Structures are given as C-alpha cells and as structure tokens.
Amino acid sequence: PKPVVTQSLLVKGQRDAERHYQKYRGAGTGTLFASLVSPLVGLIPAIACSATAPKETNLGYPQPELFAQEEYYRGYTQKAKKIKQRKVWANWAIGFGVNIVAVAIISAGQR
C-alpha cells in the first residue's frame, strides 16, 4: 500500500502546483522585455531563470503540512519548475517573434 500513498502525494503535489504556483511572472516578464530588446540578450535571463528552481517563498503551496511530506514536496517543486521553464521560454519565443516581424517590416519598407 505504501507506493499507492506515495504516488498519490506526488500527483497531488503536481496538481496543486498547477493550481497554485503563480509567481513565475517576474522571471517570464523579465525574459520577455530582454527578448524584445534583443533575442540574444533575452537568452541570458531565459537560460538563468529556466535553470533555477522557484524560490520556496514564491511557490504558493496551499498546505504547509502537506508540503512537509517528501513526495508531495517533490511533485510540487518539480511541476513548479516545469511551469516556470515553460513560461520563461514562451516569453522568450514571443520576444523573438516580435523581433522577426519588426525586421521583416523594416526590410520591406526599405525596398
């Protein structure tokens, strides 16, 4: 019965992270602004932010007693890091896309 309990705590941690982890916005917004300046400049915060796990103070977990459980903690923190990575790289891609469109418009205007 132990693996069933362990698995359910892991899954509950992942689900709770999907619902409650919201404080990736600083990393995502910083990456977006840097990428709007230059996609190469934006790579610096994108790589740095996606490589680091969210700070515990930013996790927003709902129940400290559950967070103290090893499997729940692992599920929550792993999912939160994936969410942060996904948001950071999506914002980098937006900045990259805006730069490509801007270059295309500028190039078309110079013909």
N, C-alpha and C. Protein backbone atom coordinates (compact mmCIF):
# COMPACT_ATOMS: atom_id res chain seq x y z
N PRO A 1 0.81 -1.21 0.00
CA PRO A 1 0.00 0.00 0.00
C PRO A 1 0.85 1.28 0.00
N LYS A 2 2.08 1.22 0.48
CA LYS A 2 2.94 2.41 0.57
C LYS A 2 3.13 3.11 -0.79
N PRO A 3 3.45 2.39 -1.89
CA PRO A 3 3.63 3.07 -3.18
C PRO A 3 2.39 3.82 -3.65
N VAL A 4 1.21 3.32 -3.33
CA VAL A 4 -0.03 4.00 -3.73
C VAL A 4 -0.12 5.35 -3.03
N VAL A 5 0.16 5.38 -1.73
CA VAL A 5 0.13 6.63 -0.97
C VAL A 5 1.19 7.58 -1.51
N THR A 6 2.40 7.07 -1.74
CA THR A 6 3.49 7.88 -2.26
C THR A 6 3.10 8.48 -3.62
N GLN A 7 2.57 7.66 -4.49
CA GLN A 7 2.17 8.13 -5.81
C GLN A 7 1.09 9.20 -5.71
N SER A 8 0.12 8.99 -4.84
CA SER A 8 -0.96 9.96 -4.75
C SER A 8 -0.47 11.29 -4.19
N LEU A 9 0.48 11.26 -3.27
CA LEU A 9 1.05 12.52 -2.77
C LEU A 9 1.84 13.23 -3.86
N LEU A 10 2.59 12.47 -4.65
CA LEU A 10 3.34 13.05 -5.75
C LEU A 10 2.40 13.72 -6.75
N VAL A 11 1.36 13.02 -7.13
CA VAL A 11 0.39 13.53 -8.09
C VAL A 11 -0.36 14.73 -7.51
N LYS A 12 -0.73 14.66 -6.24
CA LYS A 12 -1.40 15.78 -5.59
C LYS A 12 -0.50 17.01 -5.59
N GLY A 13 0.78 16.82 -5.32
CA GLY A 13 1.72 17.93 -5.36
C GLY A 13 1.78 18.56 -6.75
N GLN A 14 1.80 17.72 -7.78
CA GLN A 14 1.84 18.23 -9.16
C GLN A 14 0.56 19.00 -9.49
N ARG A 15 -0.56 18.46 -9.10
CA ARG A 15 -1.85 19.13 -9.38
C ARG A 15 -1.95 20.44 -8.62
N ASP A 16 -1.51 20.44 -7.37
CA ASP A 16 -1.56 21.67 -6.58
C ASP A 16 -0.65 22.74 -7.18
N ALA A 17 0.50 22.33 -7.69
CA ALA A 17 1.40 23.30 -8.32
C ALA A 17 0.74 23.93 -9.54
N GLU A 18 0.03 23.13 -10.33
CA GLU A 18 -0.69 23.67 -11.49
C GLU A 18 -1.71 24.72 -11.06
N ARG A 19 -2.34 24.48 -9.94
CA ARG A 19 -3.39 25.41 -9.46
C ARG A 19 -2.83 26.63 -8.73
N HIS A 20 -1.78 26.44 -7.94
CA HIS A 20 -1.38 27.48 -7.00
C HIS A 20 -0.08 28.21 -7.33
N TYR A 21 0.80 27.63 -8.15
CA TYR A 21 2.07 28.30 -8.43
C TYR A 21 1.85 29.38 -9.48
N GLN A 22 1.99 30.63 -9.06
CA GLN A 22 1.73 31.77 -9.94
C GLN A 22 2.91 32.74 -10.03
N LYS A 23 3.88 32.62 -9.17
CA LYS A 23 4.91 33.67 -9.07
C LYS A 23 6.08 33.46 -10.01
N TYR A 24 5.82 32.91 -11.19
CA TYR A 24 6.82 32.79 -12.23
C TYR A 24 6.81 34.05 -13.09
N ARG A 25 5.88 34.93 -12.85
CA ARG A 25 5.66 36.07 -13.73
C ARG A 25 6.86 37.00 -13.80
N GLY A 26 7.57 37.19 -12.70
CA GLY A 26 8.75 38.06 -12.72
C GLY A 26 9.80 37.54 -13.68
N ALA A 27 10.06 36.25 -13.60
CA ALA A 27 11.05 35.63 -14.49
C ALA A 27 10.57 35.70 -15.94
N GLY A 28 9.31 35.43 -16.15
CA GLY A 28 8.76 35.45 -17.51
C GLY A 28 8.74 36.85 -18.10
N THR A 29 8.33 37.83 -17.31
CA THR A 29 8.26 39.21 -17.80
C THR A 29 9.64 39.76 -18.07
N GLY A 30 10.59 39.49 -17.19
CA GLY A 30 11.97 39.94 -17.40
C GLY A 30 12.55 39.37 -18.69
N THR A 31 12.29 38.10 -18.92
CA THR A 31 12.76 37.45 -20.14
C THR A 31 12.11 38.08 -21.37
N LEU A 32 10.81 38.35 -21.28
CA LEU A 32 10.10 38.96 -22.41
C LEU A 32 10.69 40.32 -22.75
N PHE A 33 10.88 41.18 -21.75
CA PHE A 33 11.41 42.52 -22.02
C PHE A 33 12.83 42.45 -22.58
N ALA A 34 13.66 41.59 -22.02
CA ALA A 34 15.03 41.45 -22.53
C ALA A 34 15.00 40.92 -23.97
N SER A 35 14.09 40.02 -24.26
CA SER A 35 13.99 39.45 -25.61
C SER A 35 13.46 40.47 -26.62
N LEU A 36 12.64 41.39 -26.15
CA LEU A 36 12.16 42.44 -27.04
C LEU A 36 13.30 43.36 -27.44
N VAL A 37 14.25 43.59 -26.52
CA VAL A 37 15.42 44.38 -26.83
C VAL A 37 16.26 43.64 -27.87
N SER A 38 16.51 42.36 -27.58
CA SER A 38 17.27 41.51 -28.49
C SER A 38 17.08 40.06 -28.07
N PRO A 39 16.77 39.18 -29.00
CA PRO A 39 16.63 37.77 -28.63
C PRO A 39 17.91 37.19 -28.01
N LEU A 40 19.07 37.68 -28.46
CA LEU A 40 20.32 37.21 -27.87
C LEU A 40 20.47 37.67 -26.42
N VAL A 41 20.11 38.93 -26.17
CA VAL A 41 20.13 39.44 -24.80
C VAL A 41 19.12 38.68 -23.96
N GLY A 42 17.97 38.36 -24.54
CA GLY A 42 16.92 37.64 -23.84
C GLY A 42 17.30 36.22 -23.48
N LEU A 43 18.27 35.66 -24.19
CA LEU A 43 18.73 34.30 -23.85
C LEU A 43 19.36 34.24 -22.46
N ILE A 44 20.00 35.32 -22.05
CA ILE A 44 20.68 35.32 -20.75
C ILE A 44 19.69 35.08 -19.61
N PRO A 45 18.64 35.90 -19.48
CA PRO A 45 17.69 35.61 -18.40
C PRO A 45 16.89 34.33 -18.63
N ALA A 46 16.63 33.99 -19.90
CA ALA A 46 15.87 32.77 -20.18
C ALA A 46 16.62 31.54 -19.68
N ILE A 47 17.90 31.47 -19.98
CA ILE A 47 18.69 30.33 -19.53
C ILE A 47 18.83 30.34 -18.01
N ALA A 48 19.14 31.50 -17.45
CA ALA A 48 19.32 31.60 -16.00
C ALA A 48 18.03 31.26 -15.25
N CYS A 49 16.92 31.82 -15.68
CA CYS A 49 15.64 31.59 -14.99
C CYS A 49 15.15 30.17 -15.15
N SER A 50 15.34 29.60 -16.32
CA SER A 50 14.84 28.24 -16.52
C SER A 50 15.72 27.20 -15.82
N ALA A 51 16.96 27.56 -15.53
CA ALA A 51 17.86 26.62 -14.86
C ALA A 51 17.67 26.60 -13.35
N THR A 52 17.09 27.65 -12.81
CA THR A 52 16.93 27.72 -11.35
C THR A 52 15.51 27.34 -10.94
N ALA A 53 15.43 26.61 -9.86
CA ALA A 53 14.13 26.25 -9.30
C ALA A 53 13.48 27.49 -8.69
N PRO A 54 12.17 27.54 -8.65
CA PRO A 54 11.50 28.65 -7.98
C PRO A 54 11.88 28.71 -6.50
N LYS A 55 11.97 29.92 -5.98
CA LYS A 55 12.24 30.08 -4.55
C LYS A 55 11.04 29.56 -3.77
N GLU A 56 11.32 28.99 -2.62
CA GLU A 56 10.23 28.43 -1.81
C GLU A 56 9.20 29.50 -1.46
N THR A 57 9.64 30.74 -1.25
CA THR A 57 8.70 31.81 -0.91
C THR A 57 7.76 32.14 -2.07
N ASN A 58 8.11 31.74 -3.29
CA ASN A 58 7.28 32.02 -4.46
C ASN A 58 6.37 30.86 -4.85
N LEU A 59 6.49 29.73 -4.17
CA LEU A 59 5.76 28.54 -4.60
C LEU A 59 4.25 28.61 -4.39
N GLY A 60 3.81 29.27 -3.34
CA GLY A 60 2.38 29.43 -3.11
C GLY A 60 1.64 28.15 -2.77
N TYR A 61 2.33 27.19 -2.16
CA TYR A 61 1.67 25.93 -1.81
C TYR A 61 0.58 26.17 -0.77
N PRO A 62 -0.52 25.45 -0.88
CA PRO A 62 -1.69 25.74 -0.04
C PRO A 62 -1.61 25.18 1.39
N GLN A 63 -0.92 24.06 1.59
CA GLN A 63 -0.92 23.41 2.91
C GLN A 63 0.50 23.08 3.35
N PRO A 64 1.03 23.83 4.31
CA PRO A 64 2.40 23.58 4.78
C PRO A 64 2.61 22.15 5.30
N GLU A 65 1.58 21.56 5.91
CA GLU A 65 1.74 20.20 6.44
C GLU A 65 1.90 19.18 5.30
N LEU A 66 1.26 19.40 4.18
CA LEU A 66 1.45 18.53 3.02
C LEU A 66 2.82 18.79 2.37
N PHE A 67 3.21 20.05 2.32
CA PHE A 67 4.48 20.42 1.71
C PHE A 67 5.66 19.79 2.46
N ALA A 68 5.45 19.49 3.72
CA ALA A 68 6.48 18.84 4.53
C ALA A 68 6.65 17.36 4.17
N GLN A 69 5.68 16.79 3.47
CA GLN A 69 5.76 15.40 3.03
C GLN A 69 6.68 15.30 1.82
N GLU A 70 7.66 14.41 1.86
CA GLU A 70 8.70 14.33 0.82
C GLU A 70 8.14 14.18 -0.59
N GLU A 71 7.21 13.28 -0.79
CA GLU A 71 6.69 13.02 -2.14
C GLU A 71 5.85 14.19 -2.66
N TYR A 72 5.05 14.77 -1.79
CA TYR A 72 4.26 15.94 -2.17
C TYR A 72 5.19 17.08 -2.55
N TYR A 73 6.21 17.31 -1.72
CA TYR A 73 7.20 18.35 -1.96
C TYR A 73 7.87 18.15 -3.33
N ARG A 74 8.29 16.92 -3.60
CA ARG A 74 8.95 16.62 -4.86
C ARG A 74 8.02 16.87 -6.05
N GLY A 75 6.79 16.39 -5.95
CA GLY A 75 5.83 16.60 -7.03
C GLY A 75 5.54 18.07 -7.27
N TYR A 76 5.35 18.81 -6.18
CA TYR A 76 5.02 20.24 -6.29
C TYR A 76 6.18 21.02 -6.88
N THR A 77 7.39 20.82 -6.33
CA THR A 77 8.53 21.62 -6.78
C THR A 77 8.96 21.27 -8.21
N GLN A 78 8.89 19.99 -8.57
CA GLN A 78 9.24 19.62 -9.95
C GLN A 78 8.26 20.23 -10.94
N LYS A 79 6.97 20.17 -10.63
CA LYS A 79 5.96 20.74 -11.52
C LYS A 79 6.10 22.26 -11.59
N ALA A 80 6.36 22.90 -10.46
CA ALA A 80 6.53 24.35 -10.44
C ALA A 80 7.71 24.77 -11.32
N LYS A 81 8.80 24.02 -11.26
CA LYS A 81 9.96 24.34 -12.10
C LYS A 81 9.62 24.18 -13.58
N LYS A 82 8.88 23.14 -13.92
CA LYS A 82 8.47 22.95 -15.31
C LYS A 82 7.57 24.08 -15.79
N ILE A 83 6.66 24.51 -14.93
CA ILE A 83 5.77 25.63 -15.27
C ILE A 83 6.60 26.88 -15.52
N LYS A 84 7.54 27.15 -14.62
CA LYS A 84 8.39 28.33 -14.76
C LYS A 84 9.19 28.26 -16.06
N GLN A 85 9.77 27.10 -16.35
CA GLN A 85 10.55 26.94 -17.58
C GLN A 85 9.68 27.17 -18.81
N ARG A 86 8.50 26.59 -18.81
CA ARG A 86 7.59 26.74 -19.96
C ARG A 86 7.22 28.21 -20.18
N LYS A 87 6.91 28.92 -19.12
CA LYS A 87 6.52 30.33 -19.24
C LYS A 87 7.70 31.19 -19.69
N VAL A 88 8.88 30.94 -19.13
CA VAL A 88 10.07 31.71 -19.49
C VAL A 88 10.38 31.53 -20.98
N TRP A 89 10.40 30.28 -21.45
CA TRP A 89 10.74 30.04 -22.85
C TRP A 89 9.64 30.52 -23.80
N ALA A 90 8.39 30.46 -23.36
CA ALA A 90 7.30 31.00 -24.19
C ALA A 90 7.47 32.51 -24.35
N ASN A 91 7.84 33.19 -23.28
CA ASN A 91 8.04 34.64 -23.36
C ASN A 91 9.27 34.98 -24.21
N TRP A 92 10.32 34.16 -24.13
CA TRP A 92 11.48 34.39 -25.00
C TRP A 92 11.05 34.24 -26.46
N ALA A 93 10.25 33.22 -26.74
CA ALA A 93 9.78 32.99 -28.12
C ALA A 93 8.92 34.14 -28.62
N ILE A 94 8.11 34.72 -27.75
CA ILE A 94 7.30 35.88 -28.13
C ILE A 94 8.21 37.04 -28.51
N GLY A 95 9.20 37.31 -27.67
CA GLY A 95 10.15 38.38 -27.97
C GLY A 95 10.90 38.14 -29.26
N PHE A 96 11.30 36.90 -29.49
CA PHE A 96 11.99 36.51 -30.72
C PHE A 96 11.09 36.75 -31.92
N GLY A 97 9.83 36.33 -31.82
CA GLY A 97 8.86 36.51 -32.90
C GLY A 97 8.61 37.98 -33.21
N VAL A 98 8.49 38.79 -32.18
CA VAL A 98 8.28 40.23 -32.38
C VAL A 98 9.47 40.82 -33.13
N ASN A 99 10.68 40.41 -32.77
CA ASN A 99 11.88 40.90 -33.46
C ASN A 99 11.90 40.49 -34.92
N ILE A 100 11.51 39.26 -35.22
CA ILE A 100 11.47 38.80 -36.61
C ILE A 100 10.47 39.61 -37.42
N VAL A 101 9.30 39.84 -36.86
CA VAL A 101 8.28 40.64 -37.55
C VAL A 101 8.79 42.07 -37.76
N ALA A 102 9.42 42.63 -36.73
CA ALA A 102 9.94 44.00 -36.86
C ALA A 102 11.00 44.08 -37.95
N VAL A 103 11.91 43.12 -38.01
CA VAL A 103 12.94 43.10 -39.05
C VAL A 103 12.29 42.95 -40.43
N ALA A 104 11.27 42.11 -40.53
CA ALA A 104 10.60 41.92 -41.82
C ALA A 104 9.91 43.21 -42.27
N ILE A 105 9.28 43.89 -41.35
CA ILE A 105 8.60 45.15 -41.70
C ILE A 105 9.60 46.22 -42.10
N ILE A 106 10.68 46.32 -41.33
CA ILE A 106 11.71 47.31 -41.65
C ILE A 106 12.35 47.01 -43.00
N SER A 107 12.64 45.73 -43.24
CA SER A 107 13.25 45.32 -44.52
C SER A 107 12.32 45.61 -45.69
N ALA A 108 11.03 45.35 -45.51
CA ALA A 108 10.06 45.59 -46.58
C ALA A 108 9.94 47.08 -46.87
N GLY A 109 10.06 47.90 -45.84
CA GLY A 109 9.94 49.36 -46.01
C GLY A 109 11.14 49.96 -46.70
N GLN A 110 12.28 49.28 -46.72
CA GLN A 110 13.49 49.83 -47.31
C GLN A 110 13.64 49.46 -48.78
N ARG A 111 12.72 48.71 -49.33
CA ARG A 111 12.81 48.31 -50.75
C ARG A 111 12.28 49.36 -51.66
